[in-house]
Amino acid sequence: MSRSRGERAVLGRAVVSLFIAVGSAAAIEPTSVTLTPDVLKEIAQVEAEIDRIEAQTIDRLAAPPDNQVQQIELLGKAMLYDKQLSVNRNEACAFCHMPETGFTGPVSELNRTTGSYPGSVRTRYSERKPQTHSYAPLSPVLHYNPGQDDLVGGNFWDMRATGRRLGNPAAEQAEGPPTNPVEMGLPDMVCARPGPPPASDPKPVHLSDADRGRAASTFDQMAQSIAGYEASAEVTPFTSKFDAVMGGKAQFTPDEQAGYALFRGKANCNSCHRDGGPGEDPLFTDFTASNIGTPANPQLPYYLEDKPDALDYTANPAGRSFIDGGVGSFLVKGHPLSEPSVPDARWLPLAPKNNGRVQVPTLRNVDKRPYPDFVKAYGHNGYFKSLKAIVHFYNTRDVLPRCGSNDPGEGVTCWPAPESTANMNTKTVGNLGLTDAEENQLVSFMQALTDGYMSRD
């Protein structure tokens, strides 16, 4: 997509001094994972939709609304759909967060297989599946609750976008992917050679202190505008059937009603995926972390990124022995690829009890998909390929036997071992005693959490 000089000026004023184009990455031959024709076809469709939305947003920027908050939201939307913010000018933030899937991964074939998504350098993949942007700005700044003896808040699976610097976890989350070498790939917020930067030169674009400060401030403002858009009614609308029922504008079907009763009762989902209470919005998360015992996802390309690529970068030196330590790893050593917030050293004693735990995701839009056969992935690593599968896992993790190698019953009559047994949740997961019909009723209820059932106007 080409832009007129006027359109570029609109965006240029917003991100002046932020990115300096100095060329693109050298061609990298796949050494481990090849994108199949089906994946490439889907990616092309997603990219075309990203271009369409960006062009539409730029048209609106030419005559922005009078309301300043709406102006910031509109600018944030433009940033979210802008591929120019990646090292090879080929990947917008929205590549992993599209509206038709509830602002999470929009490529069915990737969800069905790898679970994680390729970065701007297409042979590099993250170790986790994309989370949803919907409702993410409503997470509190990460803090320790001594009454619960738990960390609460933040963004990212490992809570590393704490929000403590900018006062907004979603804004700090928006600063993670642009400088993550396996995502948008910039080694420096003002540089366009694929990252990471050399250890001897961590800020490879050499700016004066004043210019560096201006660039950093603009980067923060860009991220805050993205968070503003994510908090807008376009992304976080509260328009599901559940909301309509709570407002007296609709009624659950018998299966949905039965599923809701199970959700709050026998299945114990509501203990973590809170449906609201005094002073609470029904966000279907408590913003804590948990290790539900998810098996490793053997299809993650990240396991194969244990050798230098064509740019001499090794994303995962541990190879197949990598185990995701979740929040505990962040507290001990930060994140090796992307760290928008520095860990608080005072929380280091909390690391052992958080090893293996990942943030409890919202269940809003958990089943939102563009068509019935579209595959969505679930769990921090995308191991589960349907909502029914992860409900069955919650119900039977500790009841069914361990799977053997290449067991045809995997996910139905047996489960693989957990990726990590550290701090595994055995109180609310593993042996719920649900029938197959009750599992289906839970799925029916969670499908009623899909936005778009009613108008937000």
Protein backbone atom coordinates (compact mmCIF):
# COMPACT_ATOMS: atom_id res chain seq x y z
CA MET A 1 0.00 0.00 0.00
CA SER A 2 1.36 3.43 -0.90
CA ARG A 3 0.71 6.60 1.04
CA SER A 4 0.37 10.13 -0.15
CA ARG A 5 2.73 12.82 1.12
CA GLY A 6 -0.10 14.23 3.22
CA GLU A 7 -0.85 10.86 4.80
CA ARG A 8 2.79 10.34 5.64
CA ALA A 9 2.94 13.78 7.20
CA VAL A 10 0.06 12.94 9.51
CA LEU A 11 1.84 9.87 10.84
CA GLY A 12 5.24 11.49 10.63
CA ARG A 13 4.29 14.18 13.10
CA ALA A 14 3.24 11.47 15.53
CA VAL A 15 6.43 9.43 15.38
CA VAL A 16 9.06 12.01 14.44
CA SER A 17 12.55 10.91 15.44
CA LEU A 18 11.24 7.47 16.41
CA PHE A 19 12.35 5.22 13.59
CA ILE A 20 15.19 5.72 11.10
CA ALA A 21 15.04 3.51 8.02
CA VAL A 22 18.52 2.25 7.22
CA GLY A 23 17.74 -0.76 5.08
CA SER A 24 16.11 -4.14 5.47
CA ALA A 25 17.21 -7.52 6.71
CA ALA A 26 19.33 -9.77 4.61
CA ALA A 27 17.41 -12.67 3.08
CA ILE A 28 17.17 -15.59 5.50
CA GLU A 29 16.71 -19.11 4.20
CA PRO A 30 14.44 -21.20 6.42
CA THR A 31 16.45 -23.75 8.38
CA SER A 32 13.74 -25.21 10.60
CA VAL A 33 10.18 -24.10 9.81
CA THR A 34 8.82 -23.41 6.36
CA LEU A 35 5.62 -21.47 5.93
CA THR A 36 3.27 -23.67 3.91
CA PRO A 37 1.19 -22.40 0.97
CA ASP A 38 -1.92 -22.53 3.17
CA VAL A 39 -0.25 -20.38 5.83
CA LEU A 40 1.11 -17.95 3.25
CA LYS A 41 -2.36 -17.60 1.73
CA GLU A 42 -3.89 -16.79 5.11
CA ILE A 43 -1.07 -14.40 5.95
CA ALA A 44 -1.66 -12.57 2.67
CA GLN A 45 -5.35 -12.23 3.51
CA VAL A 46 -4.55 -10.89 6.99
CA GLU A 47 -2.00 -8.43 5.58
CA ALA A 48 -4.51 -7.18 3.02
CA GLU A 49 -7.05 -6.59 5.79
CA ILE A 50 -4.42 -4.79 7.87
CA ASP A 51 -3.64 -2.53 4.91
CA ARG A 52 -7.36 -1.84 4.40
CA ILE A 53 -7.92 -0.90 8.04
CA GLU A 54 -4.79 1.23 8.12
CA ALA A 55 -5.82 3.13 4.98
CA GLN A 56 -9.28 3.71 6.42
CA THR A 57 -7.75 4.95 9.68
CA ILE A 58 -5.37 7.32 7.88
CA ASP A 59 -8.34 8.77 6.00
CA ARG A 60 -9.97 9.48 9.36
CA LEU A 61 -6.77 11.08 10.66
CA ALA A 62 -6.99 13.65 7.88
CA ALA A 63 -10.09 15.03 9.61
CA PRO A 64 -9.72 13.85 13.20
CA PRO A 65 -12.49 14.11 15.82
CA ASP A 66 -12.61 17.19 18.01
CA ASN A 67 -12.36 15.12 21.20
CA GLN A 68 -8.71 14.76 22.29
CA VAL A 69 -9.24 11.30 23.79
CA GLN A 70 -10.70 10.08 20.51
CA GLN A 71 -7.78 11.62 18.64
CA ILE A 72 -5.35 9.62 20.78
CA GLU A 73 -7.39 6.46 20.24
CA LEU A 74 -7.38 7.02 16.49
CA LEU A 75 -3.63 7.57 16.45
CA GLY A 76 -3.21 4.39 18.48
CA LYS A 77 -5.26 2.48 15.95
CA ALA A 78 -3.05 3.79 13.14
CA MET A 79 0.02 2.61 15.05
CA LEU A 80 -1.49 -0.83 15.71
CA TYR A 81 -2.01 -1.42 11.98
CA ASP A 82 1.27 0.12 10.77
CA LYS A 83 3.71 -2.40 9.27
CA GLN A 84 6.37 0.31 9.07
CA LEU A 85 7.05 -0.21 12.77
CA SER A 86 8.73 -3.57 12.09
CA VAL A 87 12.29 -4.10 10.91
CA ASN A 88 11.34 -5.48 7.48
CA ARG A 89 8.29 -3.20 7.15
CA ASN A 90 6.11 -6.31 6.89
CA GLU A 91 4.50 -6.83 10.31
CA ALA A 92 2.09 -4.63 12.21
CA CYS A 93 1.15 -5.25 15.83
CA ALA A 94 -2.23 -6.31 14.45
CA PHE A 95 -0.62 -9.26 12.63
CA CYS A 96 -1.08 -11.16 15.92
CA HIS A 97 -4.12 -9.22 17.15
CA MET A 98 -7.02 -8.88 14.70
CA PRO A 99 -10.61 -7.95 15.56
CA GLU A 100 -12.24 -10.97 13.91
CA THR A 101 -10.62 -13.24 16.52
CA GLY A 102 -11.08 -10.97 19.54
CA PHE A 103 -7.72 -9.27 18.91
CA THR A 104 -5.62 -12.41 19.10
CA GLY A 105 -4.03 -14.65 16.46
CA PRO A 106 -5.87 -14.39 13.11
CA VAL A 107 -4.21 -17.22 11.11
CA SER A 108 -6.12 -20.48 11.55
CA GLU A 109 -3.36 -22.71 10.18
CA LEU A 110 -0.76 -21.24 12.54
CA ASN A 111 -3.17 -21.67 15.45
CA ARG A 112 -3.72 -25.30 14.38
CA THR A 113 -0.01 -26.04 14.16
CA THR A 114 2.68 -23.84 15.69
CA GLY A 115 0.48 -21.83 18.08
CA SER A 116 3.02 -18.99 17.96
CA TYR A 117 3.50 -16.56 15.07
CA PRO A 118 6.49 -15.66 12.88
CA GLY A 119 8.11 -12.28 13.40
CA SER A 120 9.17 -9.66 10.90
CA VAL A 121 12.13 -11.97 10.23
CA ARG A 122 9.85 -14.82 9.17
CA THR A 123 12.05 -17.66 10.44
CA ARG A 124 11.91 -16.37 14.02
CA TYR A 125 9.02 -17.35 16.29
CA SER A 126 8.07 -16.48 19.85
CA GLU A 127 7.80 -19.07 22.61
CA ARG A 128 4.14 -18.19 23.31
CA LYS A 129 0.85 -17.67 21.52
CA PRO A 130 -0.50 -14.12 21.21
CA GLN A 131 -2.76 -12.91 24.00
CA THR A 132 -5.84 -10.83 23.33
CA HIS A 133 -5.68 -7.03 23.32
CA SER A 134 -9.36 -6.84 24.26
CA TYR A 135 -9.83 -5.80 27.90
CA ALA A 136 -6.05 -5.87 28.48
CA PRO A 137 -5.96 -2.12 29.41
CA LEU A 138 -8.26 -2.87 32.34
CA SER A 139 -5.55 -4.87 34.08
CA PRO A 140 -4.17 -3.04 37.12
CA VAL A 141 -0.54 -2.06 37.50
CA LEU A 142 1.33 -5.12 38.73
CA HIS A 143 1.42 -5.18 42.51
CA TYR A 144 1.81 -7.55 45.41
CA ASN A 145 -1.32 -8.22 47.47
CA PRO A 146 -0.18 -9.41 50.91
CA GLY A 147 -3.67 -10.60 51.83
CA GLN A 148 -3.74 -12.93 48.84
CA ASP A 149 0.04 -13.44 49.03
CA ASP A 150 0.03 -13.02 45.28
CA LEU A 151 1.04 -10.75 42.42
CA VAL A 152 -1.88 -9.13 40.62
CA GLY A 153 -1.98 -7.25 37.31
CA GLY A 154 0.37 -6.47 34.46
CA ASN A 155 0.22 -7.60 30.83
CA PHE A 156 1.88 -10.49 28.95
CA TRP A 157 1.69 -14.12 30.00
CA ASP A 158 4.58 -13.53 32.43
CA MET A 159 3.22 -10.14 33.65
CA ARG A 160 6.44 -8.44 32.57
CA ALA A 161 4.62 -5.35 31.26
CA THR A 162 4.09 -4.23 34.83
CA GLY A 163 2.76 -0.74 34.10
CA ARG A 164 4.80 0.69 36.96
CA ARG A 165 6.79 3.07 34.76
CA LEU A 166 4.00 4.44 32.57
CA GLY A 167 1.13 3.72 34.94
CA ASN A 168 -0.44 1.51 32.27
CA PRO A 169 0.43 -2.17 31.68
CA ALA A 170 -1.10 -2.12 28.19
CA ALA A 171 1.13 0.79 27.15
CA GLU A 172 4.22 -1.01 28.37
CA GLN A 173 3.03 -4.16 26.59
CA ALA A 174 2.88 -2.17 23.35
CA GLU A 175 6.58 -1.36 23.76
CA GLY A 176 7.54 -5.05 23.90
CA PRO A 177 7.01 -6.44 20.37
CA PRO A 178 8.73 -3.65 18.35
CA THR A 179 12.08 -4.36 20.02
CA ASN A 180 11.66 -8.13 20.38
CA PRO A 181 13.99 -9.84 17.84
CA VAL A 182 11.51 -12.69 17.28
CA GLU A 183 8.58 -10.33 16.77
CA MET A 184 8.83 -6.94 15.04
CA GLY A 185 12.57 -7.15 15.31
CA LEU A 186 14.00 -3.68 15.99
CA PRO A 187 17.18 -3.81 18.11
CA ASP A 188 16.65 -0.22 19.21
CA MET A 189 13.51 1.89 19.16
CA VAL A 190 15.18 4.11 16.56
CA CYS A 191 16.96 1.52 14.41
CA ALA A 192 15.99 -0.63 11.45
CA ARG A 193 18.56 -3.43 11.35
CA PRO A 194 17.23 -6.71 12.76
CA GLY A 195 17.92 -7.22 16.43
CA PRO A 196 19.20 -7.97 18.90
CA PRO A 197 21.87 -5.28 19.19
CA PRO A 198 25.44 -6.32 19.93
CA ALA A 199 26.27 -6.54 23.62
CA SER A 200 28.99 -3.95 23.10
CA ASP A 201 26.55 -1.47 21.56
CA PRO A 202 23.08 -1.88 23.12
CA LYS A 203 21.78 1.35 21.53
CA PRO A 204 23.22 1.11 18.01
CA VAL A 205 21.81 4.42 16.79
CA HIS A 206 24.07 6.94 18.47
CA LEU A 207 21.99 9.91 19.52
CA SER A 208 22.73 12.77 21.83
CA ASP A 209 21.20 12.52 25.28
CA ALA A 210 18.61 15.12 24.31
CA ASP A 211 17.64 13.31 21.09
CA ARG A 212 17.58 9.97 22.86
CA GLY A 213 15.27 11.46 25.47
CA ARG A 214 12.94 12.84 22.78
CA ALA A 215 12.90 9.50 20.97
CA ALA A 216 12.17 7.62 24.20
CA SER A 217 9.40 10.05 25.08
CA THR A 218 7.84 9.65 21.63
CA PHE A 219 8.08 5.87 21.93
CA ASP A 220 6.19 6.10 25.24
CA GLN A 221 3.56 8.33 23.66
CA MET A 222 3.13 5.91 20.76
CA ALA A 223 2.60 3.06 23.23
CA GLN A 224 0.15 5.09 25.31
CA SER A 225 -1.88 5.89 22.21
CA ILE A 226 -2.04 2.18 21.33
CA ALA A 227 -3.21 1.42 24.87
CA GLY A 228 -5.80 4.18 24.51
CA TYR A 229 -7.17 2.53 21.37
CA GLU A 230 -7.22 -0.88 23.07
CA ALA A 231 -9.24 0.62 25.92
CA SER A 232 -11.74 2.17 23.50
CA ALA A 233 -15.19 0.75 22.87
CA GLU A 234 -13.95 -0.52 19.50
CA VAL A 235 -11.69 -3.08 21.21
CA THR A 236 -13.16 -3.37 24.72
CA PRO A 237 -16.90 -2.95 24.12
CA PHE A 238 -18.79 -5.17 26.65
CA THR A 239 -21.30 -6.17 23.94
CA SER A 240 -21.53 -9.94 24.44
CA LYS A 241 -24.70 -11.91 25.01
CA PHE A 242 -23.61 -12.24 28.65
CA ASP A 243 -23.67 -8.44 28.94
CA ALA A 244 -27.09 -8.32 27.30
CA VAL A 245 -28.41 -10.93 29.74
CA MET A 246 -26.96 -9.06 32.71
CA GLY A 247 -28.65 -5.91 31.41
CA GLY A 248 -32.02 -7.63 31.06
CA LYS A 249 -31.93 -7.41 27.25
CA ALA A 250 -31.63 -11.12 26.45
CA GLN A 251 -31.97 -14.56 27.98
CA PHE A 252 -29.52 -17.47 28.04
CA THR A 253 -30.45 -20.68 26.27
CA PRO A 254 -30.92 -23.67 28.60
CA ASP A 255 -27.40 -24.92 27.81
CA GLU A 256 -25.87 -21.48 28.37
CA GLN A 257 -27.72 -21.12 31.65
CA ALA A 258 -26.62 -24.57 32.78
CA GLY A 259 -23.06 -23.74 31.73
CA TYR A 260 -23.12 -20.53 33.75
CA ALA A 261 -24.28 -22.43 36.80
CA LEU A 262 -21.43 -24.89 36.34
CA PHE A 263 -19.01 -22.02 35.79
CA ARG A 264 -19.93 -20.53 39.16
CA GLY A 265 -20.35 -23.85 40.92
CA LYS A 266 -19.18 -27.38 40.19
CA ALA A 267 -16.52 -26.40 37.65
CA ASN A 268 -15.15 -23.66 39.93
CA CYS A 269 -14.13 -21.50 36.95
CA ASN A 270 -15.23 -18.34 38.72
CA SER A 271 -12.52 -18.66 41.36
CA CYS A 272 -9.99 -17.29 38.83
CA HIS A 273 -12.04 -16.19 35.83
CA ARG A 274 -14.12 -13.73 37.86
CA ASP A 275 -17.53 -12.77 36.47
CA GLY A 276 -17.68 -9.69 38.66
CA GLY A 277 -18.57 -8.84 42.20
CA PRO A 278 -18.94 -5.74 44.38
CA GLY A 279 -17.01 -3.01 42.62
CA GLU A 280 -15.83 -5.36 39.84
CA ASP A 281 -16.47 -5.37 36.12
CA PRO A 282 -17.13 -8.89 34.81
CA LEU A 283 -13.71 -9.27 33.16
CA PHE A 284 -13.47 -13.06 33.58
CA THR A 285 -9.98 -12.92 35.06
CA ASP A 286 -8.64 -12.06 38.49
CA PHE A 287 -5.30 -10.85 36.98
CA THR A 288 -3.30 -13.35 39.03
CA ALA A 289 -1.16 -16.20 37.63
CA SER A 290 -1.57 -19.96 37.68
CA ASN A 291 0.11 -23.10 36.37
CA ILE A 292 -2.68 -25.34 35.12
CA GLY A 293 -0.19 -28.00 34.01
CA THR A 294 -0.40 -27.34 30.28
CA PRO A 295 1.69 -29.85 28.31
CA ALA A 296 4.58 -28.59 26.22
CA ASN A 297 3.56 -27.78 22.65
CA PRO A 298 6.00 -29.84 20.52
CA GLN A 299 5.05 -27.87 17.42
CA LEU A 300 6.49 -24.59 18.73
CA PRO A 301 9.19 -23.53 16.24
CA TYR A 302 10.95 -21.83 19.15
CA TYR A 303 12.35 -25.22 20.17
CA LEU A 304 14.24 -25.35 16.86
CA GLU A 305 15.78 -21.89 17.19
CA ASP A 306 18.85 -23.23 18.99
CA LYS A 307 21.39 -22.44 16.28
CA PRO A 308 22.50 -19.10 14.78
CA ASP A 309 20.32 -17.89 11.93
CA ALA A 310 21.64 -16.09 8.84
CA LEU A 311 22.11 -12.97 10.97
CA ASP A 312 24.01 -14.99 13.60
CA TYR A 313 21.18 -14.76 16.14
CA THR A 314 20.14 -17.67 18.37
CA ALA A 315 16.74 -17.08 19.97
CA ASN A 316 16.63 -20.21 22.13
CA PRO A 317 20.00 -21.66 23.12
CA ALA A 318 18.22 -24.22 25.30
CA GLY A 319 16.56 -25.86 22.29
CA ARG A 320 14.22 -28.73 23.15
CA SER A 321 15.16 -28.48 26.81
CA PHE A 322 13.52 -25.05 27.11
CA ILE A 323 10.87 -24.89 29.84
CA ASP A 324 8.75 -21.76 30.16
CA GLY A 325 9.19 -20.48 33.70
CA GLY A 326 6.47 -17.86 33.29
CA VAL A 327 6.20 -15.20 35.99
CA GLY A 328 8.96 -16.80 38.06
CA SER A 329 11.51 -16.47 35.28
CA PHE A 330 10.59 -12.82 34.76
CA LEU A 331 11.07 -12.06 38.44
CA VAL A 332 14.51 -13.71 38.49
CA LYS A 333 16.04 -12.64 35.20
CA GLY A 334 13.56 -10.55 33.26
CA HIS A 335 12.76 -11.67 29.72
CA PRO A 336 15.66 -12.46 27.38
CA LEU A 337 13.96 -11.04 24.27
CA SER A 338 11.65 -8.25 25.41
CA GLU A 339 11.55 -6.38 28.69
CA PRO A 340 9.43 -3.21 28.70
CA SER A 341 9.46 -3.13 32.52
CA VAL A 342 12.41 -3.91 34.77
CA PRO A 343 11.64 -6.53 37.47
CA ASP A 344 11.35 -5.15 40.99
CA ALA A 345 14.19 -6.65 43.03
CA ARG A 346 11.96 -6.55 46.10
CA TRP A 347 9.79 -9.22 44.46
CA LEU A 348 12.66 -11.65 43.97
CA PRO A 349 11.62 -13.71 47.03
CA LEU A 350 8.28 -14.32 45.27
CA ALA A 351 9.96 -16.02 42.31
CA PRO A 352 9.97 -19.62 43.60
CA LYS A 353 6.22 -19.62 44.23
CA ASN A 354 5.61 -18.11 40.76
CA ASN A 355 7.80 -20.45 38.74
CA GLY A 356 5.76 -22.07 35.96
CA ARG A 357 2.79 -19.76 36.53
CA VAL A 358 1.33 -17.60 33.74
CA GLN A 359 -1.30 -14.90 33.85
CA VAL A 360 -4.94 -15.98 34.04
CA PRO A 361 -6.38 -14.79 30.68
CA THR A 362 -9.73 -13.14 30.27
CA LEU A 363 -12.40 -15.42 28.85
CA ARG A 364 -14.10 -12.59 26.99
CA ASN A 365 -14.05 -13.35 23.26
CA VAL A 366 -12.46 -16.70 24.04
CA ASP A 367 -14.44 -18.27 21.18
CA LYS A 368 -14.65 -15.32 18.80
CA ARG A 369 -13.74 -16.47 15.30
CA PRO A 370 -14.46 -15.32 11.74
CA TYR A 371 -16.07 -18.60 10.63
CA PRO A 372 -17.06 -21.87 12.35
CA ASP A 373 -14.10 -23.98 11.13
CA PHE A 374 -11.51 -21.36 12.12
CA VAL A 375 -9.07 -22.88 14.62
CA LYS A 376 -8.19 -20.96 17.77
CA ALA A 377 -5.31 -21.99 20.05
CA TYR A 378 -5.48 -21.92 23.84
CA GLY A 379 -2.96 -21.97 26.68
CA HIS A 380 0.21 -19.91 26.94
CA ASN A 381 1.94 -22.05 24.30
CA GLY A 382 -1.07 -22.77 22.08
CA TYR A 383 -1.13 -26.49 22.92
CA PHE A 384 -4.94 -26.74 22.98
CA LYS A 385 -6.74 -26.38 19.65
CA SER A 386 -10.34 -25.98 20.75
CA LEU A 387 -12.30 -24.61 23.66
CA LYS A 388 -13.73 -28.08 24.25
CA ALA A 389 -10.19 -29.50 24.49
CA ILE A 390 -9.04 -27.13 27.23
CA VAL A 391 -12.29 -27.60 29.17
CA HIS A 392 -11.76 -31.37 28.94
CA PHE A 393 -8.22 -30.85 30.23
CA TYR A 394 -9.39 -28.82 33.23
CA ASN A 395 -11.88 -31.58 33.95
CA THR A 396 -9.66 -34.67 33.51
CA ARG A 397 -5.98 -33.70 33.82
CA ASP A 398 -5.54 -35.73 36.99
CA VAL A 399 -8.02 -38.47 36.05
CA LEU A 400 -6.78 -39.71 32.69
CA PRO A 401 -3.46 -41.57 32.38
CA ARG A 402 -0.28 -40.12 30.87
CA CYS A 403 -0.02 -40.56 27.12
CA GLY A 404 2.57 -42.79 25.54
CA SER A 405 4.67 -41.70 22.58
CA ASN A 406 2.46 -40.71 19.61
CA ASP A 407 -0.59 -41.89 21.52
CA PRO A 408 -3.71 -41.64 19.31
CA GLY A 409 -5.81 -40.95 22.40
CA GLU A 410 -3.95 -37.77 23.32
CA GLY A 411 -6.35 -35.10 24.48
CA VAL A 412 -9.27 -37.51 24.71
CA THR A 413 -8.31 -40.56 26.77
CA CYS A 414 -4.88 -39.45 28.02
CA TRP A 415 -2.77 -36.33 28.59
CA PRO A 416 0.96 -35.69 28.17
CA ALA A 417 2.99 -34.66 31.20
CA PRO A 418 2.90 -30.96 32.13
CA GLU A 419 5.58 -28.70 30.68
CA SER A 420 6.31 -27.70 34.28
CA THR A 421 5.00 -29.15 37.52
CA ALA A 422 6.24 -26.20 39.58
CA ASN A 423 3.42 -24.64 41.62
CA MET A 424 0.84 -26.61 39.62
CA ASN A 425 -2.76 -25.76 40.44
CA THR A 426 -4.36 -28.82 42.01
CA LYS A 427 -7.17 -27.03 43.82
CA THR A 428 -9.33 -25.89 40.91
CA VAL A 429 -7.97 -27.91 37.98
CA GLY A 430 -7.62 -31.59 37.22
CA ASN A 431 -10.59 -33.54 38.57
CA LEU A 432 -13.82 -31.58 38.27
CA GLY A 433 -16.12 -34.57 37.84
CA LEU A 434 -17.97 -33.10 34.86
CA THR A 435 -19.84 -35.21 32.35
CA ASP A 436 -19.27 -34.76 28.62
CA ALA A 437 -22.60 -32.92 28.42
CA GLU A 438 -21.55 -30.59 31.22
CA GLU A 439 -18.27 -29.83 29.44
CA ASN A 440 -20.32 -28.88 26.38
CA GLN A 441 -22.58 -26.66 28.48
CA LEU A 442 -19.54 -24.80 29.81
CA VAL A 443 -18.41 -24.25 26.22
CA SER A 444 -21.87 -22.94 25.33
CA PHE A 445 -21.72 -20.44 28.16
CA MET A 446 -18.23 -19.21 27.23
CA GLN A 447 -19.39 -18.74 23.64
CA ALA A 448 -21.87 -16.25 25.07
CA LEU A 449 -18.89 -14.07 26.06
CA THR A 450 -18.27 -13.13 22.42
CA ASP A 451 -18.62 -9.40 21.74
CA GLY A 452 -20.87 -8.14 18.97
CA TYR A 453 -24.13 -9.66 20.17
CA MET A 454 -25.57 -6.20 20.75
CA SER A 455 -24.71 -2.73 19.52
CA ARG A 456 -22.45 -0.58 21.69
CA ASP A 457 -24.33 2.58 20.68
